[in-house]
Amino acid sequence: QVQLVESGGGLVQAGDSLRLSCAASGRDLSSSWMGWFRQAPGKERMYVAGISGSGGATYYFDSVKGRFTISRDNAKNTIYLKMNRLKSEDTAVYSCAAASGPGGHYEYWGQGTQVTVST
């Protein structure tokens, strides 16, 4: 059984930085895409960033390009999301997800961690 546990969320001011972590257990996910999603109150869940198993390919939603960086440490079965120059519109619950394999859809999900950016 795959478990994903996020950490690192919190309350920060606009312009600050945060680093989220997602630790995976139960399965070797080193060949799977993993990613971060976020959901703000009253809005649909949005795909923020993704990273391939090797880390050689990444995806970013347009509004976070240049501010957020996704990375992974397969030895620790952990992915990270470094968020710089945070804005109030980044406020959301951030969840990590993992695909079942190299070409799979995201099917494993964490519980999420709250990020709140105050102005």
N, C-alpha and C. Protein backbone atom coordinates (compact mmCIF):
# COMPACT_ATOMS: atom_id res chain seq x y z
N GLN A 1 0.85 -1.19 0.00
CA GLN A 1 0.00 0.00 0.00
C GLN A 1 0.88 1.24 0.00
N VAL A 2 0.63 2.11 -0.96
CA VAL A 2 1.43 3.33 -1.08
C VAL A 2 0.88 4.40 -0.16
N GLN A 3 1.76 5.03 0.57
CA GLN A 3 1.38 6.17 1.40
C GLN A 3 2.23 7.37 1.02
N LEU A 4 1.58 8.50 0.91
CA LEU A 4 2.27 9.76 0.63
C LEU A 4 1.95 10.72 1.76
N VAL A 5 2.97 11.27 2.36
CA VAL A 5 2.78 12.16 3.51
C VAL A 5 3.49 13.49 3.22
N GLU A 6 2.67 14.55 3.16
CA GLU A 6 3.21 15.88 2.91
C GLU A 6 3.57 16.58 4.21
N SER A 7 4.50 17.49 4.11
CA SER A 7 4.87 18.34 5.24
C SER A 7 5.45 19.65 4.71
N GLY A 8 5.53 20.63 5.59
CA GLY A 8 6.18 21.88 5.23
C GLY A 8 5.26 23.05 4.99
N GLY A 9 3.95 22.81 5.04
CA GLY A 9 3.03 23.92 4.83
C GLY A 9 3.03 24.86 6.03
N GLY A 10 2.33 25.96 5.88
CA GLY A 10 2.25 26.91 6.97
C GLY A 10 1.71 28.25 6.54
N LEU A 11 1.79 29.21 7.45
CA LEU A 11 1.33 30.58 7.20
C LEU A 11 2.56 31.46 6.98
N VAL A 12 2.59 32.10 5.83
CA VAL A 12 3.72 32.98 5.50
C VAL A 12 3.17 34.28 4.94
N GLN A 13 4.05 35.24 4.78
CA GLN A 13 3.67 36.51 4.18
C GLN A 13 3.99 36.51 2.69
N ALA A 14 3.30 37.33 1.96
CA ALA A 14 3.57 37.46 0.53
C ALA A 14 5.05 37.80 0.31
N GLY A 15 5.66 37.11 -0.63
CA GLY A 15 7.07 37.31 -0.92
C GLY A 15 7.98 36.32 -0.23
N ASP A 16 7.45 35.61 0.76
CA ASP A 16 8.25 34.62 1.48
C ASP A 16 8.39 33.34 0.67
N SER A 17 9.15 32.41 1.22
CA SER A 17 9.38 31.11 0.59
C SER A 17 8.97 29.99 1.54
N LEU A 18 8.64 28.85 0.93
CA LEU A 18 8.35 27.63 1.68
C LEU A 18 8.86 26.46 0.86
N ARG A 19 9.19 25.37 1.56
CA ARG A 19 9.53 24.14 0.85
C ARG A 19 8.65 23.02 1.38
N LEU A 20 7.88 22.45 0.47
CA LEU A 20 7.04 21.31 0.81
C LEU A 20 7.80 20.02 0.53
N SER A 21 7.51 19.02 1.34
CA SER A 21 8.09 17.69 1.13
C SER A 21 6.97 16.66 1.06
N CYS A 22 7.21 15.61 0.32
CA CYS A 22 6.26 14.50 0.23
C CYS A 22 7.06 13.22 0.30
N ALA A 23 6.89 12.49 1.39
CA ALA A 23 7.60 11.23 1.59
C ALA A 23 6.70 10.06 1.22
N ALA A 24 7.21 9.20 0.37
CA ALA A 24 6.44 8.05 -0.10
C ALA A 24 6.94 6.78 0.58
N SER A 25 6.03 5.87 0.80
CA SER A 25 6.39 4.57 1.36
C SER A 25 5.47 3.51 0.77
N GLY A 26 5.91 2.27 0.87
CA GLY A 26 5.08 1.15 0.44
C GLY A 26 5.39 0.63 -0.95
N ARG A 27 6.13 1.43 -1.73
CA ARG A 27 6.42 1.01 -3.10
C ARG A 27 7.57 1.86 -3.62
N ASP A 28 8.37 1.27 -4.49
CA ASP A 28 9.43 2.02 -5.14
C ASP A 28 8.82 2.85 -6.27
N LEU A 29 8.87 4.17 -6.12
CA LEU A 29 8.26 5.06 -7.09
C LEU A 29 9.31 5.77 -7.94
N SER A 30 10.52 5.23 -7.97
CA SER A 30 11.61 5.91 -8.66
C SER A 30 11.43 5.97 -10.17
N SER A 31 10.51 5.17 -10.71
CA SER A 31 10.26 5.23 -12.15
C SER A 31 8.95 5.93 -12.48
N SER A 32 8.30 6.48 -11.49
CA SER A 32 6.97 7.07 -11.66
C SER A 32 7.01 8.58 -11.63
N TRP A 33 6.17 9.18 -12.46
CA TRP A 33 5.96 10.61 -12.32
C TRP A 33 5.33 10.87 -10.96
N MET A 34 5.76 11.95 -10.35
CA MET A 34 5.15 12.43 -9.12
C MET A 34 4.90 13.91 -9.27
N GLY A 35 3.92 14.39 -8.55
CA GLY A 35 3.58 15.80 -8.75
C GLY A 35 2.90 16.43 -7.56
N TRP A 36 2.68 17.72 -7.70
CA TRP A 36 1.99 18.51 -6.68
C TRP A 36 0.73 19.12 -7.30
N PHE A 37 -0.35 19.03 -6.57
CA PHE A 37 -1.61 19.66 -6.94
C PHE A 37 -1.99 20.61 -5.82
N ARG A 38 -2.86 21.56 -6.14
CA ARG A 38 -3.38 22.41 -5.08
C ARG A 38 -4.85 22.69 -5.32
N GLN A 39 -5.54 22.93 -4.22
CA GLN A 39 -6.96 23.26 -4.30
C GLN A 39 -7.26 24.38 -3.33
N ALA A 40 -7.73 25.48 -3.87
CA ALA A 40 -8.13 26.62 -3.06
C ALA A 40 -9.62 26.50 -2.78
N PRO A 41 -10.10 27.14 -1.71
CA PRO A 41 -11.54 27.06 -1.37
C PRO A 41 -12.41 27.51 -2.53
N GLY A 42 -13.38 26.68 -2.87
CA GLY A 42 -14.31 27.03 -3.93
C GLY A 42 -13.78 26.86 -5.34
N LYS A 43 -12.57 26.33 -5.46
CA LYS A 43 -11.97 26.16 -6.79
C LYS A 43 -11.64 24.70 -7.04
N GLU A 44 -11.46 24.37 -8.31
CA GLU A 44 -11.10 23.01 -8.65
C GLU A 44 -9.63 22.75 -8.37
N ARG A 45 -9.32 21.47 -8.18
CA ARG A 45 -7.93 21.08 -7.97
C ARG A 45 -7.12 21.39 -9.23
N MET A 46 -5.92 21.89 -9.01
CA MET A 46 -5.08 22.31 -10.12
C MET A 46 -3.72 21.62 -10.06
N TYR A 47 -3.24 21.20 -11.20
CA TYR A 47 -1.94 20.55 -11.31
C TYR A 47 -0.87 21.63 -11.32
N VAL A 48 -0.03 21.65 -10.32
CA VAL A 48 0.93 22.72 -10.16
C VAL A 48 2.27 22.38 -10.79
N ALA A 49 2.76 21.18 -10.48
CA ALA A 49 4.09 20.80 -10.97
C ALA A 49 4.21 19.29 -10.96
N GLY A 50 5.01 18.77 -11.88
CA GLY A 50 5.26 17.33 -11.94
C GLY A 50 6.70 17.05 -12.30
N ILE A 51 7.16 15.85 -11.96
CA ILE A 51 8.55 15.48 -12.24
C ILE A 51 8.61 14.01 -12.60
N SER A 52 9.40 13.70 -13.62
CA SER A 52 9.54 12.31 -14.04
C SER A 52 10.35 11.51 -13.02
N GLY A 53 10.35 10.20 -13.20
CA GLY A 53 11.04 9.33 -12.26
C GLY A 53 12.52 9.65 -12.12
N SER A 54 13.17 9.95 -13.26
CA SER A 54 14.59 10.27 -13.24
C SER A 54 14.85 11.71 -12.82
N GLY A 55 13.81 12.52 -12.84
CA GLY A 55 13.98 13.94 -12.57
C GLY A 55 14.37 14.75 -13.79
N GLY A 56 14.50 14.08 -14.93
CA GLY A 56 14.95 14.76 -16.13
C GLY A 56 13.89 15.57 -16.84
N ALA A 57 12.66 15.34 -16.51
CA ALA A 57 11.56 16.09 -17.13
C ALA A 57 10.67 16.66 -16.03
N THR A 58 10.24 17.89 -16.26
CA THR A 58 9.37 18.55 -15.29
C THR A 58 8.24 19.26 -16.01
N TYR A 59 7.21 19.56 -15.24
CA TYR A 59 6.07 20.34 -15.74
C TYR A 59 5.75 21.38 -14.68
N TYR A 60 5.38 22.57 -15.14
CA TYR A 60 4.91 23.63 -14.24
C TYR A 60 3.70 24.31 -14.83
N PHE A 61 2.76 24.60 -13.99
CA PHE A 61 1.63 25.43 -14.41
C PHE A 61 2.18 26.84 -14.65
N ASP A 62 1.58 27.51 -15.62
CA ASP A 62 2.13 28.80 -16.04
C ASP A 62 2.32 29.80 -14.90
N SER A 63 1.35 29.86 -14.00
CA SER A 63 1.40 30.92 -12.98
C SER A 63 2.50 30.69 -11.93
N VAL A 64 3.12 29.49 -11.92
CA VAL A 64 4.17 29.24 -10.93
C VAL A 64 5.55 29.13 -11.58
N LYS A 65 5.60 29.17 -12.89
CA LYS A 65 6.89 29.07 -13.58
C LYS A 65 7.82 30.20 -13.14
N GLY A 66 9.05 29.84 -12.85
CA GLY A 66 10.02 30.83 -12.40
C GLY A 66 9.98 31.09 -10.90
N ARG A 67 8.93 30.62 -10.22
CA ARG A 67 8.82 30.82 -8.76
C ARG A 67 8.91 29.50 -8.00
N PHE A 68 8.35 28.43 -8.57
CA PHE A 68 8.34 27.13 -7.92
C PHE A 68 9.33 26.20 -8.60
N THR A 69 9.94 25.33 -7.81
CA THR A 69 10.85 24.33 -8.35
C THR A 69 10.53 22.98 -7.72
N ILE A 70 10.27 22.00 -8.57
CA ILE A 70 10.01 20.65 -8.09
C ILE A 70 11.29 19.83 -8.23
N SER A 71 11.54 18.97 -7.25
CA SER A 71 12.72 18.11 -7.29
C SER A 71 12.40 16.81 -6.56
N ARG A 72 13.29 15.86 -6.70
CA ARG A 72 13.05 14.58 -6.02
C ARG A 72 14.37 13.96 -5.61
N ASP A 73 14.29 13.15 -4.56
CA ASP A 73 15.43 12.38 -4.09
C ASP A 73 14.95 10.94 -4.01
N ASN A 74 15.27 10.16 -5.03
CA ASN A 74 14.76 8.79 -5.10
C ASN A 74 15.35 7.91 -4.00
N ALA A 75 16.53 8.25 -3.51
CA ALA A 75 17.11 7.47 -2.41
C ALA A 75 16.25 7.61 -1.15
N LYS A 76 15.58 8.74 -1.03
CA LYS A 76 14.72 8.98 0.13
C LYS A 76 13.25 8.80 -0.20
N ASN A 77 12.96 8.47 -1.46
CA ASN A 77 11.56 8.31 -1.90
C ASN A 77 10.75 9.56 -1.58
N THR A 78 11.33 10.70 -1.85
CA THR A 78 10.74 11.98 -1.46
C THR A 78 10.80 12.98 -2.61
N ILE A 79 9.72 13.74 -2.76
CA ILE A 79 9.75 14.87 -3.69
C ILE A 79 9.57 16.15 -2.91
N TYR A 80 9.98 17.24 -3.53
CA TYR A 80 9.94 18.54 -2.88
C TYR A 80 9.32 19.57 -3.81
N LEU A 81 8.78 20.62 -3.23
CA LEU A 81 8.32 21.76 -4.00
C LEU A 81 8.84 23.01 -3.28
N LYS A 82 9.84 23.65 -3.87
CA LYS A 82 10.33 24.90 -3.32
C LYS A 82 9.54 26.03 -3.93
N MET A 83 8.91 26.81 -3.10
CA MET A 83 8.03 27.90 -3.54
C MET A 83 8.62 29.23 -3.10
N ASN A 84 9.00 30.03 -4.07
CA ASN A 84 9.56 31.35 -3.80
C ASN A 84 8.57 32.45 -4.20
N ARG A 85 8.79 33.62 -3.66
CA ARG A 85 7.97 34.81 -4.00
C ARG A 85 6.49 34.46 -3.96
N LEU A 86 6.08 33.89 -2.84
CA LEU A 86 4.69 33.45 -2.71
C LEU A 86 3.73 34.62 -2.79
N LYS A 87 2.55 34.34 -3.37
CA LYS A 87 1.51 35.34 -3.54
C LYS A 87 0.26 34.85 -2.82
N SER A 88 -0.65 35.77 -2.56
CA SER A 88 -1.88 35.39 -1.87
C SER A 88 -2.66 34.34 -2.67
N GLU A 89 -2.56 34.42 -3.99
CA GLU A 89 -3.29 33.45 -4.82
C GLU A 89 -2.69 32.05 -4.79
N ASP A 90 -1.55 31.89 -4.13
CA ASP A 90 -0.97 30.56 -3.94
C ASP A 90 -1.58 29.85 -2.74
N THR A 91 -2.40 30.55 -1.98
CA THR A 91 -3.05 29.94 -0.82
C THR A 91 -3.93 28.79 -1.25
N ALA A 92 -3.69 27.61 -0.66
CA ALA A 92 -4.43 26.42 -1.04
C ALA A 92 -3.95 25.25 -0.18
N VAL A 93 -4.66 24.15 -0.31
CA VAL A 93 -4.17 22.88 0.22
C VAL A 93 -3.35 22.22 -0.89
N TYR A 94 -2.11 21.91 -0.57
CA TYR A 94 -1.21 21.30 -1.55
C TYR A 94 -1.10 19.80 -1.26
N SER A 95 -1.32 19.02 -2.31
CA SER A 95 -1.26 17.56 -2.17
C SER A 95 -0.27 17.00 -3.16
N CYS A 96 0.43 15.96 -2.75
CA CYS A 96 1.30 15.29 -3.70
C CYS A 96 0.61 14.05 -4.23
N ALA A 97 1.05 13.63 -5.39
CA ALA A 97 0.46 12.47 -6.05
C ALA A 97 1.55 11.70 -6.77
N ALA A 98 1.27 10.43 -6.99
CA ALA A 98 2.23 9.57 -7.69
C ALA A 98 1.50 8.67 -8.67
N ALA A 99 2.15 8.46 -9.80
CA ALA A 99 1.61 7.53 -10.78
C ALA A 99 2.05 6.11 -10.41
N SER A 100 1.38 5.15 -10.99
CA SER A 100 1.70 3.76 -10.67
C SER A 100 2.92 3.26 -11.43
N GLY A 101 3.29 3.97 -12.48
CA GLY A 101 4.44 3.54 -13.26
C GLY A 101 4.85 4.63 -14.22
N PRO A 102 5.80 4.33 -15.12
CA PRO A 102 6.33 5.36 -16.02
C PRO A 102 5.26 6.04 -16.87
N GLY A 103 4.27 5.31 -17.31
CA GLY A 103 3.26 5.91 -18.17
C GLY A 103 1.90 5.97 -17.55
N GLY A 104 1.83 5.81 -16.24
CA GLY A 104 0.55 5.72 -15.57
C GLY A 104 -0.03 7.06 -15.20
N HIS A 105 -1.31 7.06 -14.87
CA HIS A 105 -1.97 8.25 -14.36
C HIS A 105 -1.67 8.37 -12.87
N TYR A 106 -1.87 9.57 -12.37
CA TYR A 106 -1.73 9.75 -10.92
C TYR A 106 -2.83 8.97 -10.22
N GLU A 107 -2.43 8.08 -9.33
CA GLU A 107 -3.45 7.30 -8.64
C GLU A 107 -3.21 7.20 -7.15
N TYR A 108 -2.08 7.64 -6.67
CA TYR A 108 -1.82 7.67 -5.23
C TYR A 108 -1.78 9.13 -4.79
N TRP A 109 -2.44 9.41 -3.67
CA TRP A 109 -2.58 10.79 -3.22
C TRP A 109 -2.26 10.92 -1.75
N GLY A 110 -1.66 12.03 -1.39
CA GLY A 110 -1.46 12.36 0.01
C GLY A 110 -2.66 13.11 0.56
N GLN A 111 -2.62 13.39 1.86
CA GLN A 111 -3.75 14.06 2.52
C GLN A 111 -3.72 15.56 2.30
N GLY A 112 -2.55 16.10 2.04
CA GLY A 112 -2.45 17.53 1.78
C GLY A 112 -1.89 18.30 2.96
N THR A 113 -1.33 19.45 2.62
CA THR A 113 -0.82 20.38 3.63
C THR A 113 -1.24 21.79 3.27
N GLN A 114 -1.67 22.54 4.25
CA GLN A 114 -2.21 23.88 4.00
C GLN A 114 -1.08 24.89 3.85
N VAL A 115 -1.18 25.68 2.80
CA VAL A 115 -0.29 26.82 2.61
C VAL A 115 -1.15 28.07 2.58
N THR A 116 -0.87 29.00 3.46
CA THR A 116 -1.62 30.24 3.52
C THR A 116 -0.64 31.40 3.39
N VAL A 117 -0.91 32.26 2.42
CA VAL A 117 -0.05 33.41 2.16
C VAL A 117 -0.83 34.66 2.49
N SER A 118 -0.36 35.40 3.46
CA SER A 118 -1.05 36.62 3.87
C SER A 118 -0.41 37.83 3.21
N THR A 119 -1.21 38.88 3.06
CA THR A 119 -0.71 40.10 2.42
C THR A 119 -0.58 41.22 3.45
